[in-house]
Amino acid sequence: MKLTFGRSKMKIRVLYKSGNSHSQWFVKFVTQQDLSQAEWLQAEQNIRPIKLGIDNVEAIWQEDYRINLFYFLWVNTVGHLLKKY
């Protein structure tokens, strides 16, 4: 498990029908099963796709995931104890 400061994030790779691909870190990435729509919130505000070209997407993969260190500590210590009571 990899931990990070700040928000939890995931690395997504978009594979296009042309054979090209694009990887980027996202805080939120949601898509329909048939890839007809996609919604995202990128981890870095300066780097963002202008157009995803959802009609040309072959597949979307989650390559990596980083969990917020403070969230991890909360869930495994104080948060776990509070659930019992």
Protein backbone atom coordinates (compact mmCIF):
# COMPACT_ATOMS: atom_id res chain seq x y z
CA MET A 1 0.00 0.00 0.00
CA LYS A 2 1.33 3.42 -0.93
CA LEU A 3 0.54 6.43 1.25
CA THR A 4 0.48 10.11 0.28
CA PHE A 5 -0.01 13.48 1.93
CA GLY A 6 -3.04 15.42 0.78
CA ARG A 7 -5.92 13.78 -1.03
CA SER A 8 -6.19 10.11 -1.95
CA LYS A 9 -5.65 9.68 -5.67
CA MET A 10 -5.55 7.08 -8.42
CA LYS A 11 -3.50 6.80 -11.59
CA ILE A 12 -5.71 6.12 -14.61
CA ARG A 13 -4.55 4.99 -18.07
CA VAL A 14 -6.88 5.64 -21.00
CA LEU A 15 -6.27 3.35 -23.99
CA TYR A 16 -7.49 4.64 -27.35
CA LYS A 17 -8.55 2.57 -30.37
CA SER A 18 -5.67 4.12 -32.34
CA GLY A 19 -3.16 2.47 -30.00
CA ASN A 20 -2.26 5.68 -28.14
CA SER A 21 -2.61 5.94 -24.38
CA HIS A 22 -2.62 8.62 -21.70
CA SER A 23 -1.86 8.25 -17.96
CA GLN A 24 -2.73 10.80 -15.32
CA TRP A 25 -3.42 11.09 -11.58
CA PHE A 26 -7.03 11.77 -10.62
CA VAL A 27 -8.84 12.40 -7.35
CA LYS A 28 -12.12 11.21 -8.88
CA PHE A 29 -12.76 9.31 -12.11
CA VAL A 30 -16.18 7.86 -12.92
CA THR A 31 -17.31 6.32 -16.20
CA GLN A 32 -20.25 4.33 -17.49
CA GLN A 33 -19.63 0.62 -18.14
CA ASP A 34 -20.12 1.11 -21.90
CA LEU A 35 -17.72 4.13 -21.86
CA SER A 36 -20.44 6.46 -23.13
CA GLN A 37 -19.75 9.13 -20.47
CA ALA A 38 -16.89 10.04 -18.15
CA GLU A 39 -16.55 12.43 -15.24
CA TRP A 40 -13.28 13.31 -13.48
CA LEU A 41 -11.45 15.58 -11.10
CA GLN A 42 -7.70 15.64 -11.77
CA ALA A 43 -5.17 15.63 -8.93
CA GLU A 44 -3.11 18.48 -10.41
CA GLN A 45 -5.14 21.42 -11.62
CA ASN A 46 -2.47 22.51 -14.14
CA ILE A 47 -2.57 19.25 -16.13
CA ARG A 48 -5.91 18.33 -17.63
CA PRO A 49 -7.21 16.77 -20.81
CA ILE A 50 -8.88 19.24 -23.13
CA LYS A 51 -11.08 16.55 -24.64
CA LEU A 52 -11.19 12.89 -23.66
CA GLY A 53 -12.64 11.70 -26.98
CA ILE A 54 -14.87 9.14 -25.30
CA ASP A 55 -15.99 7.73 -28.69
CA ASN A 56 -12.42 6.63 -29.42
CA VAL A 57 -11.66 4.99 -26.05
CA GLU A 58 -10.95 1.26 -26.08
CA ALA A 59 -10.43 0.74 -22.34
CA ILE A 60 -9.73 2.55 -19.06
CA TRP A 61 -7.40 1.01 -16.45
CA GLN A 62 -6.56 2.00 -12.90
CA GLU A 63 -2.77 1.58 -12.67
CA ASP A 64 -2.02 2.75 -9.14
CA TYR A 65 -3.68 4.10 -6.00
CA ARG A 66 -2.31 6.27 -3.18
CA ILE A 67 -4.21 6.58 0.12
CA ASN A 68 -4.11 9.75 2.21
CA LEU A 69 -1.80 9.06 5.19
CA PHE A 70 -4.06 10.82 7.71
CA TYR A 71 -7.18 9.01 6.49
CA PHE A 72 -5.32 5.68 6.76
CA LEU A 73 -4.23 6.46 10.35
CA TRP A 74 -7.73 7.62 11.32
CA VAL A 75 -9.45 4.51 9.98
CA ASN A 76 -6.95 2.13 11.56
CA THR A 77 -6.77 3.79 15.00
CA VAL A 78 -9.28 6.31 16.36
CA GLY A 79 -11.94 5.69 13.73
CA HIS A 80 -11.81 1.95 14.40
CA LEU A 81 -12.15 2.51 18.15
CA LEU A 82 -15.10 4.90 17.74
CA LYS A 83 -16.99 2.35 15.63
CA LYS A 84 -17.01 -0.10 18.54
CA TYR A 85 -18.91 2.30 20.81
